[in-house]
Protein backbone atom coordinates (compact mmCIF):
# COMPACT_ATOMS: atom_id res chain seq x y z
CA MET A 1 -32.34 6.19 -81.15
CA ALA A 2 -29.14 8.20 -83.09
CA ALA A 3 -26.25 7.08 -82.98
CA GLY A 4 -24.28 9.07 -79.65
CA TRP A 5 -27.36 9.13 -77.52
CA SER A 6 -27.09 7.07 -75.03
CA GLN A 7 -29.86 6.73 -71.68
CA GLN A 8 -28.96 7.70 -68.47
CA GLN A 9 -29.99 8.82 -64.79
CA LEU A 10 -29.98 12.44 -64.55
CA LYS A 11 -27.73 12.05 -61.76
CA ARG A 12 -24.56 11.00 -63.41
CA PRO A 13 -24.62 13.79 -66.17
CA PHE A 14 -26.10 16.60 -63.69
CA SER A 15 -25.38 17.65 -60.03
CA ILE A 16 -28.94 18.43 -58.34
CA ASN A 17 -29.12 20.14 -54.96
CA LEU A 18 -32.10 21.07 -53.14
CA GLY A 19 -32.97 24.45 -51.83
CA LYS A 20 -32.33 25.79 -48.00
CA MET A 21 -35.80 25.16 -45.21
CA LEU A 22 -36.99 28.43 -44.96
CA GLN A 23 -35.02 30.05 -41.77
CA ASN A 24 -36.14 33.39 -40.18
CA ALA A 25 -33.71 34.09 -37.83
CA PRO A 26 -30.02 33.12 -37.41
CA THR A 27 -28.95 30.24 -35.56
CA SER A 28 -25.30 31.29 -35.15
CA VAL A 29 -22.82 33.91 -35.19
CA GLU A 30 -22.01 33.58 -38.62
CA ASP A 31 -25.21 33.40 -40.17
CA VAL A 32 -25.70 36.00 -42.70
CA GLU A 33 -29.52 37.34 -44.00
CA VAL A 34 -29.47 36.84 -48.15
CA PRO A 35 -32.23 36.82 -50.73
CA TYR A 36 -33.88 33.72 -51.77
CA LEU A 37 -35.86 32.26 -54.41
CA LYS A 38 -38.67 30.58 -54.07
CA ALA A 39 -41.18 28.04 -56.57
CA GLN A 40 -43.12 31.43 -57.60
CA HIS A 41 -39.85 33.02 -58.98
CA VAL A 42 -39.60 30.14 -61.68
CA GLN A 43 -42.06 29.84 -64.27
CA TRP A 44 -41.37 28.52 -67.97
CA ASN A 45 -40.67 31.63 -69.65
CA GLY A 46 -37.94 32.42 -67.34
CA VAL A 47 -36.70 33.37 -63.58
CA ARG A 48 -37.40 36.74 -61.75
CA LEU A 49 -34.98 38.13 -59.82
CA SER A 50 -36.89 41.18 -58.69
CA ASP A 51 -37.93 41.88 -55.09
CA LEU A 52 -36.66 38.53 -53.43
CA PRO A 53 -37.28 37.91 -49.89
CA THR A 54 -34.80 36.70 -47.63
CA MET A 55 -33.80 34.36 -44.97
CA TRP A 56 -31.03 33.56 -42.82
CA ALA A 57 -28.33 31.03 -43.95
CA SER A 58 -24.48 29.95 -42.89
CA PRO A 59 -21.47 30.34 -45.08
CA ALA A 60 -21.39 26.55 -45.97
CA GLU A 61 -25.15 27.13 -47.49
CA ILE A 62 -24.37 30.25 -49.03
CA LEU A 63 -21.39 28.65 -51.09
CA GLY A 64 -23.52 25.42 -52.21
CA LEU A 65 -26.67 27.21 -53.09
CA GLU A 66 -25.78 30.69 -54.49
CA VAL A 67 -27.30 30.94 -57.76
CA ARG A 68 -25.44 31.72 -60.55
CA ASP A 69 -26.04 32.96 -64.23
CA GLY A 70 -26.77 30.23 -66.31
CA ASP A 71 -28.06 27.40 -63.46
CA LEU A 72 -31.00 25.58 -64.32
CA LEU A 73 -33.81 25.68 -61.50
CA VAL A 74 -36.43 23.24 -61.22
CA CYS A 75 -39.42 22.96 -58.91
CA GLU A 76 -39.84 20.32 -56.57
CA GLY A 77 -43.24 20.89 -55.45
CA GLY A 78 -46.28 22.48 -57.17
CA GLU A 79 -46.40 22.25 -60.53
CA VAL A 80 -43.68 19.83 -60.09
CA GLY A 81 -40.53 19.81 -62.70
CA ARG A 82 -41.12 23.06 -63.98
CA ALA A 83 -38.04 24.39 -65.12
CA ALA A 84 -36.04 27.79 -66.14
CA LEU A 85 -32.34 29.07 -66.80
CA VAL A 86 -31.33 31.93 -64.58
CA SER A 87 -30.28 34.56 -67.40
CA GLU A 88 -28.42 37.45 -65.79
CA GLN A 89 -26.53 37.60 -62.65
CA PRO A 90 -28.52 37.46 -59.55
CA PRO A 91 -27.74 39.42 -56.54
CA ALA A 92 -25.13 38.94 -54.19
CA ARG A 93 -25.53 35.81 -52.31
CA THR A 94 -28.76 34.88 -53.57
CA ILE A 95 -30.07 31.14 -52.72
CA ILE A 96 -32.86 29.00 -53.42
CA GLN A 97 -35.20 27.60 -51.08
CA ASN A 98 -36.42 24.21 -50.55
CA ALA A 99 -39.27 24.02 -53.36
CA LEU A 100 -36.20 24.55 -55.70
CA HIS A 101 -33.39 22.70 -57.32
CA LEU A 102 -30.33 24.01 -58.35
CA VAL A 103 -28.93 22.41 -61.54
CA ARG A 104 -25.25 21.99 -62.94
CA GLY A 105 -23.82 20.03 -65.40
CA ARG A 106 -21.19 17.62 -65.01
CA ALA A 107 -18.12 17.18 -67.29
CA ASN A 108 -19.91 19.86 -69.80
CA ALA A 109 -22.87 18.32 -69.50
CA GLU A 110 -25.73 21.10 -70.69
CA PRO A 111 -27.89 22.83 -68.54
CA ARG A 112 -29.93 24.34 -71.53
CA PHE A 113 -30.81 20.85 -73.10
CA LEU A 114 -32.27 19.27 -69.75
CA ALA A 115 -34.37 22.43 -69.58
CA TYR A 116 -35.70 21.36 -72.98
CA VAL A 117 -36.08 17.56 -72.05
CA LEU A 118 -38.05 18.82 -68.59
CA HIS A 119 -40.24 20.97 -71.15
CA HIS A 120 -40.74 18.09 -73.13
CA ALA A 121 -41.62 16.03 -69.95
CA ALA A 122 -43.90 18.44 -68.53
CA ALA A 123 -45.73 18.23 -71.96
CA GLN A 124 -46.04 14.43 -72.26
CA GLY A 125 -47.36 14.12 -68.29
CA TRP A 126 -43.73 12.50 -67.32
CA PHE A 127 -44.15 14.10 -64.19
CA ASP A 128 -47.66 12.62 -62.93
CA VAL A 129 -45.91 9.18 -63.62
CA LEU A 130 -42.74 10.18 -61.32
CA CYS A 131 -44.79 12.45 -58.93
CA ASN A 132 -47.87 11.04 -57.04
CA ARG A 133 -50.60 13.30 -58.06
CA SER A 134 -53.19 12.11 -55.52
CA THR A 135 -51.65 13.92 -52.78
CA ILE A 136 -49.20 16.67 -52.89
CA ALA A 137 -47.02 16.00 -55.34
CA HIS A 138 -43.06 15.99 -54.61
CA PHE A 139 -40.37 16.01 -57.49
CA THR A 140 -37.83 14.79 -54.37
CA VAL A 141 -34.37 14.81 -55.31
CA GLU A 142 -33.89 11.30 -55.60
CA LYS A 143 -36.64 10.77 -57.93
CA PHE A 144 -35.20 13.56 -60.29
CA GLY A 145 -31.62 12.00 -60.04
CA GLU A 146 -32.90 8.51 -60.96
CA MET A 147 -35.15 9.65 -63.84
CA TRP A 148 -33.91 8.21 -66.89
CA THR A 149 -33.55 10.07 -70.49
CA TRP A 150 -31.38 9.70 -73.68
CA LEU A 151 -28.74 12.23 -73.86
CA PRO A 152 -26.12 13.10 -76.78
CA GLU A 153 -22.57 13.96 -76.11
CA ALA A 154 -22.05 16.80 -74.31
CA SER A 155 -21.12 19.01 -77.70
CA HIS A 156 -23.87 17.81 -79.45
CA GLN A 157 -26.34 18.85 -76.17
CA ARG A 158 -25.01 22.20 -76.75
CA THR A 159 -25.84 22.23 -80.76
CA ILE A 160 -29.38 21.32 -79.76
CA ALA A 161 -30.02 23.75 -77.37
CA ASN A 162 -28.48 26.69 -79.31
CA TYR A 163 -30.50 25.46 -82.18
CA LEU A 164 -33.45 25.17 -79.90
CA ASP A 165 -32.86 28.65 -78.57
CA ARG A 166 -33.00 30.35 -81.78
CA GLU A 167 -36.23 28.74 -83.48
CA THR A 168 -37.85 28.87 -79.50
CA ALA A 169 -37.18 32.79 -79.30
CA ARG A 170 -38.62 33.10 -83.13
CA LEU A 171 -42.10 31.39 -82.27
CA ASP A 172 -41.97 33.38 -79.18
CA ALA A 173 -41.69 36.60 -80.83
CA LEU A 174 -44.58 35.45 -83.24
CA VAL A 175 -46.81 34.49 -80.35
CA ALA A 176 -46.27 37.74 -78.42
CA ALA A 177 -47.08 39.67 -81.32
CA LYS A 178 -50.24 37.43 -81.89
CA GLU A 179 -51.22 38.14 -77.99
CA ARG A 180 -50.64 41.40 -78.98
CA VAL A 181 -53.25 41.73 -81.84
CA LEU A 182 -55.79 39.88 -79.21
CA GLY A 183 -55.01 42.91 -76.80
CA LEU A 184 -55.61 45.60 -79.45
CA LEU A 185 -59.16 43.63 -80.49
CA ALA A 186 -60.23 43.17 -76.73
CA GLU A 187 -59.61 47.18 -76.92
CA LYS A 188 -61.58 47.88 -79.72
CA ARG A 189 -64.31 45.67 -78.78
CA ARG A 190 -64.51 47.56 -75.49
CA ALA A 191 -64.06 50.66 -77.20
CA LEU A 192 -67.09 50.15 -79.28
CA ILE A 193 -69.34 49.15 -77.20
CA THR A 194 -68.47 51.96 -74.72
CA HIS A 195 -69.36 54.35 -77.25
CA ALA A 196 -72.62 52.76 -78.80
CA VAL A 197 -74.37 52.49 -75.52
CA THR A 198 -73.67 56.26 -74.19
CA ARG A 199 -73.35 58.09 -77.68
CA GLY A 200 -75.91 55.98 -79.78
CA ILE A 201 -74.84 54.56 -83.44
CA ASP A 202 -76.45 57.82 -85.13
CA PRO A 203 -73.26 60.36 -85.45
CA THR A 204 -75.57 63.46 -86.42
CA ALA A 205 -78.11 63.05 -83.03
CA PRO A 206 -77.23 66.12 -81.04
CA LEU A 207 -75.90 66.14 -77.84
CA ARG A 208 -76.20 66.98 -74.05
CA ASP A 209 -74.48 67.14 -71.34
CA SER A 210 -75.54 63.98 -69.38
CA GLY A 211 -75.36 65.70 -65.55
CA ILE A 212 -73.22 62.24 -64.82
CA PRO A 213 -69.40 62.77 -65.12
CA TRP A 214 -68.40 59.15 -65.86
CA LEU A 215 -71.41 59.16 -68.63
CA GLY A 216 -70.17 62.22 -70.21
CA GLU A 217 -72.37 63.97 -73.29
CA ILE A 218 -75.26 61.35 -74.37
CA PRO A 219 -77.67 62.28 -77.07
CA ALA A 220 -80.36 64.72 -76.11
CA HIS A 221 -83.47 62.88 -76.44
CA TRP A 222 -81.79 60.06 -73.91
CA ARG A 223 -83.06 59.97 -70.23
CA THR A 224 -80.59 58.74 -67.61
CA GLU A 225 -82.28 56.48 -64.42
CA ARG A 226 -81.20 54.64 -61.91
CA LEU A 227 -81.26 51.21 -62.33
CA LYS A 228 -83.89 50.35 -59.35
CA PHE A 229 -86.52 52.07 -61.25
CA HIS A 230 -86.55 48.98 -63.53
CA LEU A 231 -86.11 46.24 -61.16
CA SER A 232 -88.73 44.69 -58.50
CA GLU A 233 -86.03 43.24 -57.23
CA ILE A 234 -82.58 41.31 -56.66
CA GLU A 235 -81.88 37.91 -55.79
CA GLN A 236 -78.88 36.63 -54.21
CA GLY A 237 -78.17 32.74 -54.29
CA TRP A 238 -76.88 29.95 -52.21
CA SER A 239 -73.78 28.70 -51.42
CA PRO A 240 -74.18 25.01 -49.84
CA GLN A 241 -71.01 22.82 -49.31
CA CYS A 242 -70.33 21.17 -52.76
CA GLU A 243 -68.21 18.49 -54.64
CA SER A 244 -65.20 19.81 -56.17
CA TYR A 245 -66.34 18.87 -59.72
CA PRO A 246 -69.38 19.89 -62.05
CA ALA A 247 -72.53 18.12 -61.75
CA GLU A 248 -73.39 16.08 -64.91
CA GLU A 249 -76.69 16.12 -67.03
CA GLY A 250 -79.38 15.40 -65.15
CA GLU A 251 -77.89 16.09 -61.59
CA TRP A 252 -78.21 19.63 -59.70
CA GLY A 253 -75.36 21.71 -59.49
CA VAL A 254 -74.55 25.15 -58.19
CA LEU A 255 -72.99 28.03 -60.63
CA LYS A 256 -69.85 29.45 -59.85
CA VAL A 257 -68.72 32.86 -60.13
CA GLY A 258 -66.46 32.15 -63.19
CA ALA A 259 -69.86 31.80 -65.07
CA VAL A 260 -70.44 35.34 -65.80
CA ASN A 261 -66.78 35.93 -65.99
CA GLY A 262 -66.55 35.89 -70.09
CA TRP A 263 -68.68 37.42 -72.24
CA GLU A 264 -71.18 34.56 -72.60
CA PHE A 265 -72.63 32.34 -69.83
CA ASN A 266 -70.67 29.32 -69.14
CA PRO A 267 -73.07 26.67 -67.56
CA ASN A 268 -69.98 24.45 -67.12
CA GLU A 269 -68.75 26.38 -64.19
CA ASN A 270 -70.59 24.68 -61.28
CA LYS A 271 -70.13 22.57 -58.92
CA ARG A 272 -72.40 19.34 -57.94
CA LEU A 273 -74.52 19.41 -55.51
CA PRO A 274 -74.10 16.61 -53.26
CA ASP A 275 -77.18 13.77 -53.11
CA ASP A 276 -77.91 14.69 -49.44
CA ILE A 277 -78.51 18.05 -49.67
CA GLU A 278 -81.87 19.33 -50.90
CA PRO A 279 -81.38 21.82 -53.94
CA LEU A 280 -83.63 24.93 -53.62
CA PRO A 281 -85.54 25.17 -56.73
CA GLU A 282 -86.48 29.12 -56.81
CA TYR A 283 -82.65 29.75 -57.28
CA GLU A 284 -82.81 27.64 -60.26
CA ILE A 285 -81.54 28.99 -63.79
CA SER A 286 -83.83 29.99 -66.24
CA SER A 287 -83.28 31.51 -70.06
CA GLY A 288 -83.73 34.78 -70.00
CA ASP A 289 -81.97 35.57 -66.79
CA VAL A 290 -79.86 38.79 -66.07
CA LEU A 291 -76.45 37.55 -64.03
CA ILE A 292 -74.29 39.85 -62.12
CA SER A 293 -70.89 39.38 -60.21
CA ARG A 294 -71.25 40.30 -56.87
CA ALA A 295 -67.56 38.69 -55.29
CA ASN A 296 -64.54 38.52 -57.46
CA THR A 297 -61.39 40.11 -58.33
CA THR A 298 -61.45 43.88 -58.91
CA GLU A 299 -61.17 43.53 -62.98
CA LEU A 300 -64.42 40.78 -62.77
CA LEU A 301 -66.64 42.57 -60.26
CA GLY A 302 -69.89 43.22 -61.78
CA SER A 303 -69.78 41.22 -64.71
CA THR A 304 -72.54 40.69 -66.21
CA VAL A 305 -74.23 38.03 -68.93
CA MET A 306 -77.19 37.19 -70.23
CA VAL A 307 -78.59 33.56 -69.92
CA ARG A 308 -79.74 32.72 -73.28
CA GLU A 309 -79.73 28.82 -72.94
CA VAL A 310 -79.11 26.50 -70.18
CA ARG A 311 -79.79 22.87 -68.90
CA PRO A 312 -82.43 22.10 -66.25
CA LYS A 313 -80.74 21.88 -62.52
CA LEU A 314 -78.32 24.64 -62.09
CA LEU A 315 -78.25 27.12 -59.34
CA LEU A 316 -77.54 30.81 -58.58
CA CYS A 317 -74.91 30.80 -56.23
CA ASP A 318 -74.63 33.30 -53.19
CA LYS A 319 -71.73 35.43 -55.33
CA LEU A 320 -74.12 36.33 -58.33
CA TYR A 321 -77.06 38.41 -58.21
CA ARG A 322 -79.87 37.75 -60.82
CA LEU A 323 -81.98 40.98 -61.75
CA VAL A 324 -85.86 40.78 -61.62
CA PHE A 325 -87.13 43.16 -63.80
CA ASN A 326 -90.75 45.14 -63.85
CA SER A 327 -90.14 47.70 -66.63
CA PRO A 328 -90.86 47.33 -70.01
CA ARG A 329 -88.72 50.33 -71.32
CA LEU A 330 -85.19 48.74 -70.84
CA GLU A 331 -83.98 45.91 -73.24
CA ARG A 332 -81.85 43.21 -71.29
CA ASP A 333 -79.31 43.12 -73.84
CA PHE A 334 -78.78 46.92 -73.69
CA LEU A 335 -78.35 46.72 -69.76
CA VAL A 336 -76.08 43.99 -70.27
CA LEU A 337 -73.75 45.82 -72.75
CA PHE A 338 -73.93 49.14 -70.90
CA LEU A 339 -72.85 47.06 -67.63
CA ARG A 340 -69.92 45.67 -69.17
CA SER A 341 -69.16 48.89 -70.71
CA VAL A 342 -66.14 51.16 -68.98
CA ALA A 343 -68.68 53.48 -68.29
CA GLY A 344 -70.89 50.74 -66.97
CA ARG A 345 -68.37 49.43 -64.81
CA TYR A 346 -67.44 52.73 -63.11
CA GLU A 347 -69.68 52.65 -60.20
CA PHE A 348 -69.16 48.92 -59.36
CA GLU A 349 -65.59 49.78 -59.03
CA ARG A 350 -66.17 53.13 -57.32
CA ASN A 351 -68.49 51.37 -54.75
CA ALA A 352 -66.72 48.01 -54.28
CA THR A 353 -65.62 46.92 -50.48
CA GLY A 354 -63.08 44.73 -49.57
CA ALA A 355 -59.38 44.23 -48.02
CA SER A 356 -57.37 43.50 -51.36
CA ASN A 357 -57.67 43.00 -55.06
CA SER A 358 -58.24 39.32 -54.96
CA MET A 359 -61.87 39.50 -53.65
CA GLN A 360 -63.92 42.30 -53.85
CA ASN A 361 -67.95 43.01 -52.98
CA ILE A 362 -70.55 45.11 -54.66
CA GLY A 363 -73.96 45.42 -52.34
CA GLN A 364 -76.98 45.19 -53.44
CA ASP A 365 -77.89 48.70 -53.28
CA SER A 366 -74.84 49.33 -55.24
CA VAL A 367 -76.58 47.70 -57.86
CA ARG A 368 -79.92 49.49 -57.50
CA ASP A 369 -78.21 52.81 -57.75
CA VAL A 370 -76.31 52.36 -60.76
CA TRP A 371 -77.05 55.23 -63.25
CA ILE A 372 -78.01 53.98 -66.85
CA PRO A 373 -78.70 55.46 -69.94
CA LEU A 374 -81.72 55.01 -71.51
CA PRO A 375 -82.64 55.49 -75.13
CA PRO A 376 -85.69 54.90 -76.79
CA LEU A 377 -86.80 50.95 -76.88
CA PRO A 378 -86.41 50.62 -80.39
CA GLU A 379 -83.02 52.35 -80.98
CA GLN A 380 -82.16 50.21 -77.92
CA HIS A 381 -82.97 47.29 -80.04
CA ALA A 382 -81.14 48.99 -82.76
CA ILE A 383 -77.93 49.36 -80.64
CA VAL A 384 -77.67 45.43 -79.77
CA ALA A 385 -77.92 44.43 -83.24
CA HIS A 386 -75.06 46.94 -84.32
CA ILE A 387 -72.74 45.56 -81.25
CA GLN A 388 -73.57 42.94 -82.10
CA LYS A 389 -72.63 43.00 -85.89
CA GLU A 390 -69.65 44.48 -85.34
CA THR A 391 -68.61 42.49 -82.33
CA ALA A 392 -69.15 39.17 -84.28
CA LYS A 393 -66.58 40.53 -87.12
CA LEU A 394 -64.19 41.02 -84.08
CA ASP A 395 -64.80 37.55 -82.34
CA ALA A 396 -63.76 35.98 -85.96
CA LEU A 397 -60.62 38.01 -86.04
CA ARG A 398 -59.95 36.88 -82.59
CA ALA A 399 -60.91 33.20 -83.17
CA ALA A 400 -58.60 32.97 -86.03
CA THR A 401 -55.25 34.52 -83.88
CA GLU A 402 -56.26 32.54 -81.01
CA ARG A 403 -55.81 29.45 -83.61
CA THR A 404 -52.93 30.84 -85.11
CA ILE A 405 -51.66 31.05 -81.66
CA GLY A 406 -52.35 27.27 -80.73
CA LEU A 407 -50.43 26.72 -83.84
CA LEU A 408 -47.58 28.18 -82.85
CA LYS A 409 -47.48 26.57 -79.58
CA GLU A 410 -48.05 23.32 -80.89
CA ARG A 411 -45.06 23.77 -83.62
CA ARG A 412 -42.62 24.96 -80.88
CA ALA A 413 -43.50 21.62 -78.25
CA ALA A 414 -43.11 19.32 -81.64
CA LEU A 415 -39.92 21.00 -82.17
CA ILE A 416 -38.61 20.75 -78.59
CA ALA A 417 -39.89 17.15 -78.42
CA ALA A 418 -38.74 16.03 -82.28
CA ALA A 419 -34.90 18.02 -80.87
CA VAL A 420 -35.12 16.02 -77.60
CA THR A 421 -35.68 12.52 -78.46
CA GLY A 422 -32.97 12.64 -81.39
CA LYS A 423 -35.05 13.22 -84.01
CA LEU A 424 -33.44 16.04 -85.84
CA THR A 425 -30.46 16.05 -87.76
CA LEU A 426 -28.36 19.04 -87.58
CA GLU A 427 -25.26 20.69 -88.90
CA GLY A 428 -22.28 20.37 -86.67
CA ALA A 429 -24.08 17.69 -84.91
CA VAL A 430 -21.43 15.09 -83.43
């Protein structure tokens, strides 16, 4: 370790105070209602100070737990050790609930430096060792205070924190720019698909009003039909009580709804069927199946995929529909692309039922009654080929951008690790 660093328990250079248990009513005439922060307000990228809930607290509790600009807040439960600095003055008399620790430096110790130490600790899995992950993990005041780490002198802590503030802000800006690129690529992908499956790929084709407001104009030689005229059946799966982990090769598993959330079928999204439950082979997934999410969040409801390759012994769950076709006039890949388009999703979102956006449902009749544009079959094949060619280019750009984001995040983590373990020599360091 570099000269000037010493190994210390955190309770010596920092004060650590656990927040107050939730109090929903006054217990004394002196109690007042005050805003408070809980664990969900503290994320690695900052502390959210808007729309705070309230609880009752005594003047002494407010005095000891009132949050100030520059304080470090650390999660005691949930994702233990998750930490962020308060970067602006909170509303008056804001305190913390007992899911959080309030940390301040003693003798000029720098909370910003400790925040970076905790980032490094989380990345290295230290909290898995300090807290029992086999049950509900808690990062108690005792565990926190007795945690050993290497610390430089206070002035050096500030030098390192200032350097990391600058460099991580620069890297975060680069990541944010790349994430905006991902958003633009996703938007372009949706627009490309929606245009191709509703207008075709021949820009000279004459158009006509489809008579369906959300479809708008379509090529004059296309038809519009309800999906039910191309189906013989819609199957809904089965969801017995399964294990909490995926099935291995050769074991029976039941798909989770997440298997259809992406653009491609994900067979790894499954739960192992217990040995004492007899599988229902009629629900086994096969290559060529078209699956639709019937229960999901608003943005994922109706997600549709074609199963291209699948291992044996995976079963359809009851939150998924399987379409059984009886029409030679509809290309399955064309249908999947249409149902993934803005126009194709319209009826699913309009007809969804459910009390909240966290879980919406669509019935089989809503699926059957969906209006679809129907080009001649050879044109459907050509549209699918065109979309696959163009989206492959976009997917390559997306993959390259994601790799860049990964490298930037790795660079950020490595920079923090080197700085808080004394492996960087910084100008002005003591």
